[in-house]
Amino acid sequence: MAENNHNDVTTMPFERAIEELESIIKRLEDGKVPLAESVEIYERGEALKRRCEELLKAAEARVEKITTGVDGKAKGTTPLDVT
């Protein structure tokens, strides 16, 4: 698991972050991880959870920017201002 700590969570794609988060949850639920490592991977899990939430929020904002025309068909999207 220590190898994963070198991956920058802030640039991780959603699919990779959720996959690693699920792995951490499974390891913690199994209860076979020493306490010190449990705390370490729990902290990483929190960072991964925040990353997933951030990416989902950005995706949701983009979907909300989709505009529809009078005919009910999507006209396009407007760029999302991410700050």
PDB file of N, CA and C in Angstrom:
ATOM      1  N   MET A   1       0.815  -1.206   0.000  1.00  0.00           N
ATOM      2  CA  MET A   1       0.000   0.000   0.000  1.00  0.00           C
ATOM      3  C   MET A   1       0.851   1.260   0.000  1.00  0.00           C
ATOM      4  N   ALA A   2       2.038   1.174   0.583  1.00  0.00           N
ATOM      5  CA  ALA A   2       2.901   2.346   0.651  1.00  0.00           C
ATOM      6  C   ALA A   2       3.197   2.894  -0.741  1.00  0.00           C
ATOM      7  N   GLU A   3       3.272   2.026  -1.734  1.00  0.00           N
ATOM      8  CA  GLU A   3       3.510   2.437  -3.115  1.00  0.00           C
ATOM      9  C   GLU A   3       2.427   3.403  -3.591  1.00  0.00           C
ATOM     10  N   ASN A   4       1.178   3.179  -3.228  1.00  0.00           N
ATOM     11  CA  ASN A   4       0.084   4.040  -3.648  1.00  0.00           C
ATOM     12  C   ASN A   4       0.174   5.437  -3.048  1.00  0.00           C
ATOM     13  N   ASN A   5       0.864   5.575  -1.913  1.00  0.00           N
ATOM     14  CA  ASN A   5       0.958   6.868  -1.267  1.00  0.00           C
ATOM     15  C   ASN A   5       1.747   7.863  -2.104  1.00  0.00           C
ATOM     16  N   HIS A   6       2.494   7.375  -3.095  1.00  0.00           N
ATOM     17  CA  HIS A   6       3.266   8.264  -3.946  1.00  0.00           C
ATOM     18  C   HIS A   6       2.427   8.795  -5.099  1.00  0.00           C
ATOM     19  N   ASN A   7       1.272   8.215  -5.343  1.00  0.00           N
ATOM     20  CA  ASN A   7       0.375   8.705  -6.381  1.00  0.00           C
ATOM     21  C   ASN A   7      -0.302   9.974  -5.887  1.00  0.00           C
ATOM     22  N   ASP A   8      -0.288  10.998  -6.720  1.00  0.00           N
ATOM     23  CA  ASP A   8      -0.909  12.262  -6.353  1.00  0.00           C
ATOM     24  C   ASP A   8      -2.418  12.159  -6.523  1.00  0.00           C
ATOM     25  N   VAL A   9      -3.127  12.148  -5.434  1.00  0.00           N
ATOM     26  CA  VAL A   9      -4.582  12.014  -5.444  1.00  0.00           C
ATOM     27  C   VAL A   9      -5.230  13.174  -6.188  1.00  0.00           C
ATOM     28  N   THR A  10      -4.638  14.350  -6.112  1.00  0.00           N
ATOM     29  CA  THR A  10      -5.259  15.542  -6.708  1.00  0.00           C
ATOM     30  C   THR A  10      -5.306  15.514  -8.229  1.00  0.00           C
ATOM     31  N   THR A  11      -4.553  14.629  -8.859  1.00  0.00           N
ATOM     32  CA  THR A  11      -4.580  14.532 -10.325  1.00  0.00           C
ATOM     33  C   THR A  11      -5.135  13.193 -10.797  1.00  0.00           C
ATOM     34  N   MET A  12      -5.561  12.376  -9.856  1.00  0.00           N
ATOM     35  CA  MET A  12      -6.030  11.033 -10.176  1.00  0.00           C
ATOM     36  C   MET A  12      -7.384  11.070 -10.873  1.00  0.00           C
ATOM     37  N   PRO A  13      -7.547  10.274 -11.944  1.00  0.00           N
ATOM     38  CA  PRO A  13      -8.865  10.207 -12.578  1.00  0.00           C
ATOM     39  C   PRO A  13      -9.875   9.513 -11.659  1.00  0.00           C
ATOM     40  N   PHE A  14     -11.146   9.796 -11.874  1.00  0.00           N
ATOM     41  CA  PHE A  14     -12.207   9.276 -11.016  1.00  0.00           C
ATOM     42  C   PHE A  14     -12.154   7.755 -10.884  1.00  0.00           C
ATOM     43  N   GLU A  15     -12.023   7.072 -12.014  1.00  0.00           N
ATOM     44  CA  GLU A  15     -12.072   5.606 -12.000  1.00  0.00           C
ATOM     45  C   GLU A  15     -10.963   5.015 -11.142  1.00  0.00           C
ATOM     46  N   ARG A  16      -9.760   5.583 -11.231  1.00  0.00           N
ATOM     47  CA  ARG A  16      -8.634   5.083 -10.431  1.00  0.00           C
ATOM     48  C   ARG A  16      -8.851   5.394  -8.952  1.00  0.00           C
ATOM     49  N   ALA A  17      -9.336   6.590  -8.668  1.00  0.00           N
ATOM     50  CA  ALA A  17      -9.563   6.991  -7.276  1.00  0.00           C
ATOM     51  C   ALA A  17     -10.624   6.115  -6.618  1.00  0.00           C
ATOM     52  N   ILE A  18     -11.723   5.848  -7.326  1.00  0.00           N
ATOM     53  CA  ILE A  18     -12.793   5.038  -6.736  1.00  0.00           C
ATOM     54  C   ILE A  18     -12.334   3.600  -6.550  1.00  0.00           C
ATOM     55  N   GLU A  19     -11.531   3.102  -7.490  1.00  0.00           N
ATOM     56  CA  GLU A  19     -11.002   1.744  -7.387  1.00  0.00           C
ATOM     57  C   GLU A  19     -10.113   1.594  -6.151  1.00  0.00           C
ATOM     58  N   GLU A  20      -9.233   2.564  -5.953  1.00  0.00           N
ATOM     59  CA  GLU A  20      -8.352   2.511  -4.783  1.00  0.00           C
ATOM     60  C   GLU A  20      -9.147   2.698  -3.488  1.00  0.00           C
ATOM     61  N   LEU A  21     -10.134   3.576  -3.514  1.00  0.00           N
ATOM     62  CA  LEU A  21     -10.967   3.793  -2.335  1.00  0.00           C
ATOM     63  C   LEU A  21     -11.703   2.514  -1.950  1.00  0.00           C
ATOM     64  N   GLU A  22     -12.249   1.814  -2.936  1.00  0.00           N
ATOM     65  CA  GLU A  22     -12.937   0.551  -2.662  1.00  0.00           C
ATOM     66  C   GLU A  22     -11.980  -0.480  -2.071  1.00  0.00           C
ATOM     67  N   SER A  23     -10.749  -0.495  -2.556  1.00  0.00           N
ATOM     68  CA  SER A  23      -9.735  -1.410  -2.031  1.00  0.00           C
ATOM     69  C   SER A  23      -9.423  -1.101  -0.565  1.00  0.00           C
ATOM     70  N   ILE A  24      -9.315   0.180  -0.265  1.00  0.00           N
ATOM     71  CA  ILE A  24      -9.044   0.596   1.117  1.00  0.00           C
ATOM     72  C   ILE A  24     -10.198   0.205   2.025  1.00  0.00           C
ATOM     73  N   ILE A  25     -11.419   0.435   1.579  1.00  0.00           N
ATOM     74  CA  ILE A  25     -12.596   0.098   2.381  1.00  0.00           C
ATOM     75  C   ILE A  25     -12.613  -1.400   2.675  1.00  0.00           C
ATOM     76  N   LYS A  26     -12.334  -2.203   1.666  1.00  0.00           N
ATOM     77  CA  LYS A  26     -12.328  -3.658   1.843  1.00  0.00           C
ATOM     78  C   LYS A  26     -11.268  -4.070   2.854  1.00  0.00           C
ATOM     79  N   ARG A  27     -10.080  -3.499   2.744  1.00  0.00           N
ATOM     80  CA  ARG A  27      -9.007  -3.837   3.684  1.00  0.00           C
ATOM     81  C   ARG A  27      -9.378  -3.452   5.118  1.00  0.00           C
ATOM     82  N   LEU A  28      -9.982  -2.281   5.279  1.00  0.00           N
ATOM     83  CA  LEU A  28     -10.370  -1.842   6.623  1.00  0.00           C
ATOM     84  C   LEU A  28     -11.503  -2.705   7.180  1.00  0.00           C
ATOM     85  N   GLU A  29     -12.455  -3.078   6.323  1.00  0.00           N
ATOM     86  CA  GLU A  29     -13.565  -3.916   6.772  1.00  0.00           C
ATOM     87  C   GLU A  29     -13.101  -5.317   7.158  1.00  0.00           C
ATOM     88  N   ASP A  30     -12.064  -5.807   6.484  1.00  0.00           N
ATOM     89  CA  ASP A  30     -11.526  -7.125   6.815  1.00  0.00           C
ATOM     90  C   ASP A  30     -10.931  -7.151   8.218  1.00  0.00           C
ATOM     91  N   GLY A  31     -10.475  -5.991   8.690  1.00  0.00           N
ATOM     92  CA  GLY A  31      -9.962  -5.886  10.052  1.00  0.00           C
ATOM     93  C   GLY A  31      -8.621  -6.557  10.285  1.00  0.00           C
ATOM     94  N   LYS A  32      -7.878  -6.823   9.233  1.00  0.00           N
ATOM     95  CA  LYS A  32      -6.601  -7.521   9.379  1.00  0.00           C
ATOM     96  C   LYS A  32      -5.407  -6.602   9.168  1.00  0.00           C
ATOM     97  N   VAL A  33      -5.651  -5.308   9.192  1.00  0.00           N
ATOM     98  CA  VAL A  33      -4.588  -4.336   8.980  1.00  0.00           C
ATOM     99  C   VAL A  33      -4.148  -3.807  10.344  1.00  0.00           C
ATOM    100  N   PRO A  34      -2.833  -3.751  10.595  1.00  0.00           N
ATOM    101  CA  PRO A  34      -2.358  -3.190  11.874  1.00  0.00           C
ATOM    102  C   PRO A  34      -2.860  -1.756  12.070  1.00  0.00           C
ATOM    103  N   LEU A  35      -3.000  -1.353  13.315  1.00  0.00           N
ATOM    104  CA  LEU A  35      -3.577  -0.054  13.652  1.00  0.00           C
ATOM    105  C   LEU A  35      -2.880   1.105  12.944  1.00  0.00           C
ATOM    106  N   ALA A  36      -1.565   1.159  13.003  1.00  0.00           N
ATOM    107  CA  ALA A  36      -0.835   2.279  12.388  1.00  0.00           C
ATOM    108  C   ALA A  36      -1.120   2.351  10.888  1.00  0.00           C
ATOM    109  N   GLU A  37      -1.127   1.213  10.219  1.00  0.00           N
ATOM    110  CA  GLU A  37      -1.416   1.190   8.788  1.00  0.00           C
ATOM    111  C   GLU A  37      -2.881   1.540   8.524  1.00  0.00           C
ATOM    112  N   SER A  38      -3.760   1.110   9.419  1.00  0.00           N
ATOM    113  CA  SER A  38      -5.181   1.444   9.270  1.00  0.00           C
ATOM    114  C   SER A  38      -5.388   2.948   9.259  1.00  0.00           C
ATOM    115  N   VAL A  39      -4.718   3.637  10.160  1.00  0.00           N
ATOM    116  CA  VAL A  39      -4.837   5.093  10.232  1.00  0.00           C
ATOM    117  C   VAL A  39      -4.297   5.718   8.945  1.00  0.00           C
ATOM    118  N   GLU A  40      -3.167   5.211   8.476  1.00  0.00           N
ATOM    119  CA  GLU A  40      -2.546   5.735   7.256  1.00  0.00           C
ATOM    120  C   GLU A  40      -3.457   5.545   6.039  1.00  0.00           C
ATOM    121  N   ILE A  41      -3.990   4.354   5.873  1.00  0.00           N
ATOM    122  CA  ILE A  41      -4.827   4.120   4.697  1.00  0.00           C
ATOM    123  C   ILE A  41      -6.195   4.792   4.842  1.00  0.00           C
ATOM    124  N   TYR A  42      -6.657   4.970   6.075  1.00  0.00           N
ATOM    125  CA  TYR A  42      -7.904   5.713   6.291  1.00  0.00           C
ATOM    126  C   TYR A  42      -7.723   7.156   5.824  1.00  0.00           C
ATOM    127  N   GLU A  43      -6.590   7.764   6.164  1.00  0.00           N
ATOM    128  CA  GLU A  43      -6.321   9.136   5.741  1.00  0.00           C
ATOM    129  C   GLU A  43      -6.263   9.223   4.217  1.00  0.00           C
ATOM    130  N   ARG A  44      -5.638   8.242   3.594  1.00  0.00           N
ATOM    131  CA  ARG A  44      -5.582   8.224   2.122  1.00  0.00           C
ATOM    132  C   ARG A  44      -7.003   8.052   1.567  1.00  0.00           C
ATOM    133  N   GLY A  45      -7.794   7.221   2.200  1.00  0.00           N
ATOM    134  CA  GLY A  45      -9.169   7.028   1.784  1.00  0.00           C
ATOM    135  C   GLY A  45      -9.971   8.313   1.841  1.00  0.00           C
ATOM    136  N   GLU A  46      -9.753   9.101   2.858  1.00  0.00           N
ATOM    137  CA  GLU A  46     -10.430  10.398   2.972  1.00  0.00           C
ATOM    138  C   GLU A  46     -10.037  11.312   1.822  1.00  0.00           C
ATOM    139  N   ALA A  47      -8.743  11.319   1.469  1.00  0.00           N
ATOM    140  CA  ALA A  47      -8.278  12.141   0.353  1.00  0.00           C
ATOM    141  C   ALA A  47      -8.898  11.653  -0.958  1.00  0.00           C
ATOM    142  N   LEU A  48      -8.984  10.348  -1.127  1.00  0.00           N
ATOM    143  CA  LEU A  48      -9.593   9.779  -2.333  1.00  0.00           C
ATOM    144  C   LEU A  48     -11.075  10.117  -2.401  1.00  0.00           C
ATOM    145  N   LYS A  49     -11.758  10.056  -1.277  1.00  0.00           N
ATOM    146  CA  LYS A  49     -13.184  10.398  -1.214  1.00  0.00           C
ATOM    147  C   LYS A  49     -13.396  11.856  -1.616  1.00  0.00           C
ATOM    148  N   ARG A  50     -12.559  12.746  -1.100  1.00  0.00           N
ATOM    149  CA  ARG A  50     -12.665  14.164  -1.469  1.00  0.00           C
ATOM    150  C   ARG A  50     -12.431  14.351  -2.964  1.00  0.00           C
ATOM    151  N   ARG A  51     -11.464  13.625  -3.532  1.00  0.00           N
ATOM    152  CA  ARG A  51     -11.180  13.725  -4.965  1.00  0.00           C
ATOM    153  C   ARG A  51     -12.386  13.265  -5.786  1.00  0.00           C
ATOM    154  N   CYS A  52     -12.974  12.133  -5.397  1.00  0.00           N
ATOM    155  CA  CYS A  52     -14.152  11.624  -6.105  1.00  0.00           C
ATOM    156  C   CYS A  52     -15.303  12.619  -6.029  1.00  0.00           C
ATOM    157  N   GLU A  53     -15.533  13.184  -4.852  1.00  0.00           N
ATOM    158  CA  GLU A  53     -16.600  14.169  -4.689  1.00  0.00           C
ATOM    159  C   GLU A  53     -16.347  15.395  -5.556  1.00  0.00           C
ATOM    160  N   GLU A  54     -15.095  15.839  -5.620  1.00  0.00           N
ATOM    161  CA  GLU A  54     -14.728  16.991  -6.439  1.00  0.00           C
ATOM    162  C   GLU A  54     -15.013  16.719  -7.920  1.00  0.00           C
ATOM    163  N   LEU A  55     -14.612  15.538  -8.388  1.00  0.00           N
ATOM    164  CA  LEU A  55     -14.832  15.190  -9.796  1.00  0.00           C
ATOM    165  C   LEU A  55     -16.316  15.025 -10.110  1.00  0.00           C
ATOM    166  N   LEU A  56     -17.063  14.448  -9.191  1.00  0.00           N
ATOM    167  CA  LEU A  56     -18.507  14.302  -9.397  1.00  0.00           C
ATOM    168  C   LEU A  56     -19.203  15.656  -9.424  1.00  0.00           C
ATOM    169  N   LYS A  57     -18.782  16.541  -8.549  1.00  0.00           N
ATOM    170  CA  LYS A  57     -19.373  17.884  -8.510  1.00  0.00           C
ATOM    171  C   LYS A  57     -19.090  18.618  -9.818  1.00  0.00           C
ATOM    172  N   ALA A  58     -17.871  18.488 -10.338  1.00  0.00           N
ATOM    173  CA  ALA A  58     -17.519  19.136 -11.603  1.00  0.00           C
ATOM    174  C   ALA A  58     -18.341  18.549 -12.748  1.00  0.00           C
ATOM    175  N   ALA A  59     -18.510  17.246 -12.757  1.00  0.00           N
ATOM    176  CA  ALA A  59     -19.307  16.601 -13.806  1.00  0.00           C
ATOM    177  C   ALA A  59     -20.760  17.046 -13.720  1.00  0.00           C
ATOM    178  N   GLU A  60     -21.276  17.130 -12.510  1.00  0.00           N
ATOM    179  CA  GLU A  60     -22.656  17.568 -12.310  1.00  0.00           C
ATOM    180  C   GLU A  60     -22.842  18.998 -12.810  1.00  0.00           C
ATOM    181  N   ALA A  61     -21.881  19.849 -12.534  1.00  0.00           N
ATOM    182  CA  ALA A  61     -21.968  21.238 -12.981  1.00  0.00           C
ATOM    183  C   ALA A  61     -21.956  21.314 -14.506  1.00  0.00           C
ATOM    184  N   ARG A  62     -21.160  20.472 -15.146  1.00  0.00           N
ATOM    185  CA  ARG A  62     -21.126  20.461 -16.614  1.00  0.00           C
ATOM    186  C   ARG A  62     -22.458  19.997 -17.186  1.00  0.00           C
ATOM    187  N   VAL A  63     -23.044  18.979 -16.564  1.00  0.00           N
ATOM    188  CA  VAL A  63     -24.339  18.482 -17.038  1.00  0.00           C
ATOM    189  C   VAL A  63     -25.392  19.572 -16.899  1.00  0.00           C
ATOM    190  N   GLU A  64     -25.343  20.303 -15.800  1.00  0.00           N
ATOM    191  CA  GLU A  64     -26.309  21.380 -15.588  1.00  0.00           C
ATOM    192  C   GLU A  64     -26.144  22.502 -16.607  1.00  0.00           C
ATOM    193  N   LYS A  65     -24.971  22.628 -17.199  1.00  0.00           N
ATOM    194  CA  LYS A  65     -24.715  23.677 -18.180  1.00  0.00           C
ATOM    195  C   LYS A  65     -25.271  23.324 -19.558  1.00  0.00           C
ATOM    196  N   ILE A  66     -25.713  22.097 -19.737  1.00  0.00           N
ATOM    197  CA  ILE A  66     -26.279  21.703 -21.020  1.00  0.00           C
ATOM    198  C   ILE A  66     -27.571  22.493 -21.223  1.00  0.00           C
ATOM    199  N   THR A  67     -27.660  23.088 -22.369  1.00  0.00           N
ATOM    200  CA  THR A  67     -28.854  23.874 -22.659  1.00  0.00           C
ATOM    201  C   THR A  67     -29.727  23.127 -23.656  1.00  0.00           C
ATOM    202  N   THR A  68     -30.989  23.383 -23.580  1.00  0.00           N
ATOM    203  CA  THR A  68     -31.906  22.758 -24.529  1.00  0.00           C
ATOM    204  C   THR A  68     -32.618  23.825 -25.332  1.00  0.00           C
ATOM    205  N   GLY A  69     -32.908  23.466 -26.560  1.00  0.00           N
ATOM    206  CA  GLY A  69     -33.621  24.389 -27.440  1.00  0.00           C
ATOM    207  C   GLY A  69     -35.120  24.238 -27.255  1.00  0.00           C
ATOM    208  N   VAL A  70     -35.884  25.019 -27.985  1.00  0.00           N
ATOM    209  CA  VAL A  70     -37.337  24.974 -27.896  1.00  0.00           C
ATOM    210  C   VAL A  70     -37.887  23.615 -28.309  1.00  0.00           C
ATOM    211  N   ASP A  71     -37.158  22.925 -29.171  1.00  0.00           N
ATOM    212  CA  ASP A  71     -37.610  21.607 -29.613  1.00  0.00           C
ATOM    213  C   ASP A  71     -37.285  20.510 -28.600  1.00  0.00           C
ATOM    214  N   GLY A  72     -36.653  20.876 -27.479  1.00  0.00           N
ATOM    215  CA  GLY A  72     -36.326  19.907 -26.446  1.00  0.00           C
ATOM    216  C   GLY A  72     -35.014  19.179 -26.665  1.00  0.00           C
ATOM    217  N   LYS A  73     -34.344  19.484 -27.773  1.00  0.00           N
ATOM    218  CA  LYS A  73     -33.066  18.841 -28.065  1.00  0.00           C
ATOM    219  C   LYS A  73     -31.931  19.679 -27.492  1.00  0.00           C
ATOM    220  N   ALA A  74     -30.861  18.984 -27.082  1.00  0.00           N
ATOM    221  CA  ALA A  74     -29.706  19.685 -26.531  1.00  0.00           C
ATOM    222  C   ALA A  74     -29.066  20.542 -27.616  1.00  0.00           C
ATOM    223  N   LYS A  75     -28.825  21.805 -27.306  1.00  0.00           N
ATOM    224  CA  LYS A  75     -28.164  22.717 -28.254  1.00  0.00           C
ATOM    225  C   LYS A  75     -26.659  22.631 -28.097  1.00  0.00           C
ATOM    226  N   GLY A  76     -26.196  22.308 -26.937  1.00  0.00           N
ATOM    227  CA  GLY A  76     -24.759  22.269 -26.686  1.00  0.00           C
ATOM    228  C   GLY A  76     -24.466  22.513 -25.231  1.00  0.00           C
ATOM    229  N   THR A  77     -23.228  22.726 -24.941  1.00  0.00           N
ATOM    230  CA  THR A  77     -22.839  22.989 -23.573  1.00  0.00           C
ATOM    231  C   THR A  77     -22.073  24.299 -23.538  1.00  0.00           C
ATOM    232  N   THR A  78     -22.038  24.889 -22.372  1.00  0.00           N
ATOM    233  CA  THR A  78     -21.207  26.055 -22.172  1.00  0.00           C
ATOM    234  C   THR A  78     -20.040  25.639 -21.309  1.00  0.00           C
ATOM    235  N   PRO A  79     -18.879  26.235 -21.496  1.00  0.00           N
ATOM    236  CA  PRO A  79     -17.709  25.831 -20.712  1.00  0.00           C
ATOM    237  C   PRO A  79     -17.951  25.999 -19.217  1.00  0.00           C
ATOM    238  N   LEU A  80     -17.414  25.092 -18.466  1.00  0.00           N
ATOM    239  CA  LEU A  80     -17.531  25.135 -17.010  1.00  0.00           C
ATOM    240  C   LEU A  80     -16.392  25.973 -16.467  1.00  0.00           C
ATOM    241  N   ASP A  81     -16.720  26.946 -15.642  1.00  0.00           N
ATOM    242  CA  ASP A  81     -15.710  27.774 -15.015  1.00  0.00           C
ATOM    243  C   ASP A  81     -15.276  27.097 -13.730  1.00  0.00           C
ATOM    244  N   VAL A  82     -14.119  26.441 -13.762  1.00  0.00           N
ATOM    245  CA  VAL A  82     -13.591  25.769 -12.590  1.00  0.00           C
ATOM    246  C   VAL A  82     -12.559  26.686 -11.960  1.00  0.00           C
ATOM    247  N   THR A  83     -12.810  27.021 -10.701  1.00  0.00           N
ATOM    248  CA  THR A  83     -11.861  27.880  -9.997  1.00  0.00           C
ATOM    249  C   THR A  83     -11.366  27.208  -8.768  1.00  0.00           C
TER     250      THR A  83
END
